Amino acid sequence: MAVQIFGTSKSFETKKAERYFSERRIAFQKIDLKEKGLSKGELESVISSIAKRAGDRQAAIDSLADKKNKDYASFAYLDDSEKEEKLLDNPLLLVQPIVRNGKTDATIGYQPDIWKNWN
């Protein structure tokens, strides 16, 4: 299992995700969104994975943006075609943590019920 956790060191939810994997002795790579955001390919794989569960690509993109973030208003009123680029430009706008397992599975937020089914 190749787990990546995208988040910030100040995010309580990110710390919970790190603790979840540490307690189960599952190795993970932590990527700090303040230092390095998601690449276009990483964001694409996260959107694809979320869209499988949500059933809609645009709903998946909208769910990636943190509604509590001070910059959310600038995201919410963008045209759908511009939202993906906004998330790439401002990675702190993303819901934290984003947890990836390989290139096919990804979650946003704290989702232990989904993680326990990952092999």
Protein backbone atom coordinates (compact mmCIF):
# COMPACT_ATOMS: atom_id res chain seq x y z
CA MET A 1 0.00 0.00 0.00
CA ALA A 2 1.47 3.35 -1.07
CA VAL A 3 -0.38 5.90 1.06
CA GLN A 4 0.08 9.64 0.65
CA ILE A 5 -1.44 12.17 3.04
CA PHE A 6 -1.80 15.72 1.75
CA GLY A 7 -2.44 18.33 4.43
CA THR A 8 -0.85 20.88 6.72
CA SER A 9 0.79 20.41 10.09
CA LYS A 10 -1.85 22.64 11.73
CA SER A 11 -4.81 20.64 10.41
CA PHE A 12 -6.41 18.57 13.18
CA GLU A 13 -7.99 16.21 10.63
CA THR A 14 -4.61 15.63 8.96
CA LYS A 15 -3.07 14.76 12.33
CA LYS A 16 -5.90 12.28 12.97
CA ALA A 17 -5.26 10.63 9.58
CA GLU A 18 -1.53 10.35 10.32
CA ARG A 19 -2.31 8.81 13.71
CA TYR A 20 -4.73 6.33 12.10
CA PHE A 21 -2.07 4.98 9.74
CA SER A 22 0.73 5.13 12.34
CA GLU A 23 -1.29 3.10 14.85
CA ARG A 24 -1.80 0.41 12.22
CA ARG A 25 1.87 0.49 11.23
CA ILE A 26 1.01 1.48 7.68
CA ALA A 27 3.77 3.52 6.07
CA PHE A 28 2.71 6.81 4.54
CA GLN A 29 4.23 9.81 2.86
CA LYS A 30 3.14 13.19 4.17
CA ILE A 31 2.99 16.08 1.73
CA ASP A 32 2.62 19.53 3.28
CA LEU A 33 0.23 21.62 1.19
CA LYS A 34 1.92 24.83 2.38
CA GLU A 35 5.20 23.75 0.83
CA LYS A 36 4.01 21.72 -2.14
CA GLY A 37 0.53 21.40 -3.56
CA LEU A 38 -0.89 18.63 -5.67
CA SER A 39 0.39 18.22 -9.20
CA LYS A 40 -2.11 18.28 -12.04
CA GLY A 41 -1.87 14.49 -12.35
CA GLU A 42 -2.36 13.95 -8.61
CA LEU A 43 -5.39 16.23 -8.57
CA GLU A 44 -6.81 14.41 -11.59
CA SER A 45 -6.49 11.01 -9.91
CA VAL A 46 -8.15 12.36 -6.74
CA ILE A 47 -11.03 13.85 -8.75
CA SER A 48 -11.49 10.56 -10.66
CA SER A 49 -11.58 8.55 -7.46
CA ILE A 50 -14.04 10.91 -5.73
CA ALA A 51 -16.19 11.07 -8.89
CA LYS A 52 -16.57 7.27 -8.82
CA ARG A 53 -18.30 7.56 -5.45
CA ALA A 54 -20.09 10.85 -6.12
CA GLY A 55 -21.17 9.82 -9.61
CA ASP A 56 -20.37 13.25 -11.03
CA ARG A 57 -17.03 14.85 -11.87
CA GLN A 58 -18.19 18.41 -11.15
CA ALA A 59 -19.61 17.38 -7.76
CA ALA A 60 -16.23 15.81 -6.97
CA ILE A 61 -14.40 19.03 -7.83
CA ASP A 62 -16.82 21.10 -5.74
CA SER A 63 -16.42 18.74 -2.76
CA LEU A 64 -12.64 19.25 -2.79
CA ALA A 65 -12.95 22.91 -1.81
CA ASP A 66 -13.14 23.69 1.91
CA LYS A 67 -16.26 25.79 2.49
CA LYS A 68 -14.74 27.15 5.74
CA ASN A 69 -11.71 28.56 3.94
CA LYS A 70 -11.54 32.36 3.67
CA ASP A 71 -10.91 32.07 -0.08
CA TYR A 72 -13.93 29.84 -0.72
CA ALA A 73 -16.07 32.72 -2.03
CA SER A 74 -13.60 33.30 -4.87
CA PHE A 75 -13.92 29.60 -5.74
CA ALA A 76 -17.68 29.23 -5.43
CA TYR A 77 -18.48 31.84 -8.05
CA LEU A 78 -16.03 30.61 -10.66
CA ASP A 79 -17.17 28.98 -13.86
CA ASP A 80 -16.95 25.17 -13.57
CA SER A 81 -14.16 25.11 -16.15
CA GLU A 82 -11.96 27.35 -13.92
CA LYS A 83 -12.41 25.59 -10.56
CA GLU A 84 -9.81 22.89 -11.15
CA GLU A 85 -7.17 25.50 -11.97
CA LYS A 86 -8.06 27.48 -8.84
CA LEU A 87 -7.47 24.38 -6.68
CA LEU A 88 -4.06 23.88 -8.30
CA ASP A 89 -3.15 27.55 -7.75
CA ASN A 90 -4.36 27.62 -4.13
CA PRO A 91 -3.78 24.18 -2.51
CA LEU A 92 -4.76 25.51 0.94
CA LEU A 93 -8.31 25.79 -0.40
CA LEU A 94 -8.52 21.97 -0.47
CA VAL A 95 -10.33 19.98 2.20
CA GLN A 96 -7.74 18.31 4.41
CA PRO A 97 -6.51 15.67 4.50
CA ILE A 98 -6.50 14.21 1.04
CA VAL A 99 -5.40 10.61 1.37
CA ARG A 100 -4.33 8.63 -1.69
CA ASN A 101 -3.71 4.91 -1.94
CA GLY A 102 -1.90 4.39 -5.20
CA LYS A 103 -3.42 6.05 -8.24
CA THR A 104 -6.92 4.63 -7.98
CA ASP A 105 -8.16 5.28 -4.44
CA ALA A 106 -8.46 8.64 -2.72
CA THR A 107 -10.50 10.27 0.02
CA ILE A 108 -11.02 13.77 1.31
CA GLY A 109 -11.35 14.42 5.01
CA TYR A 110 -11.04 11.84 7.76
CA GLN A 111 -12.46 8.58 6.33
CA PRO A 112 -11.33 5.55 8.39
CA ASP A 113 -14.32 3.47 7.23
CA ILE A 114 -12.99 3.65 3.67
CA TRP A 115 -9.31 3.28 4.62
CA LYS A 116 -9.85 0.02 6.51
CA ASN A 117 -10.92 -1.61 3.21
CA TRP A 118 -7.74 -0.62 1.40
CA ASN A 119 -5.30 -3.49 0.91
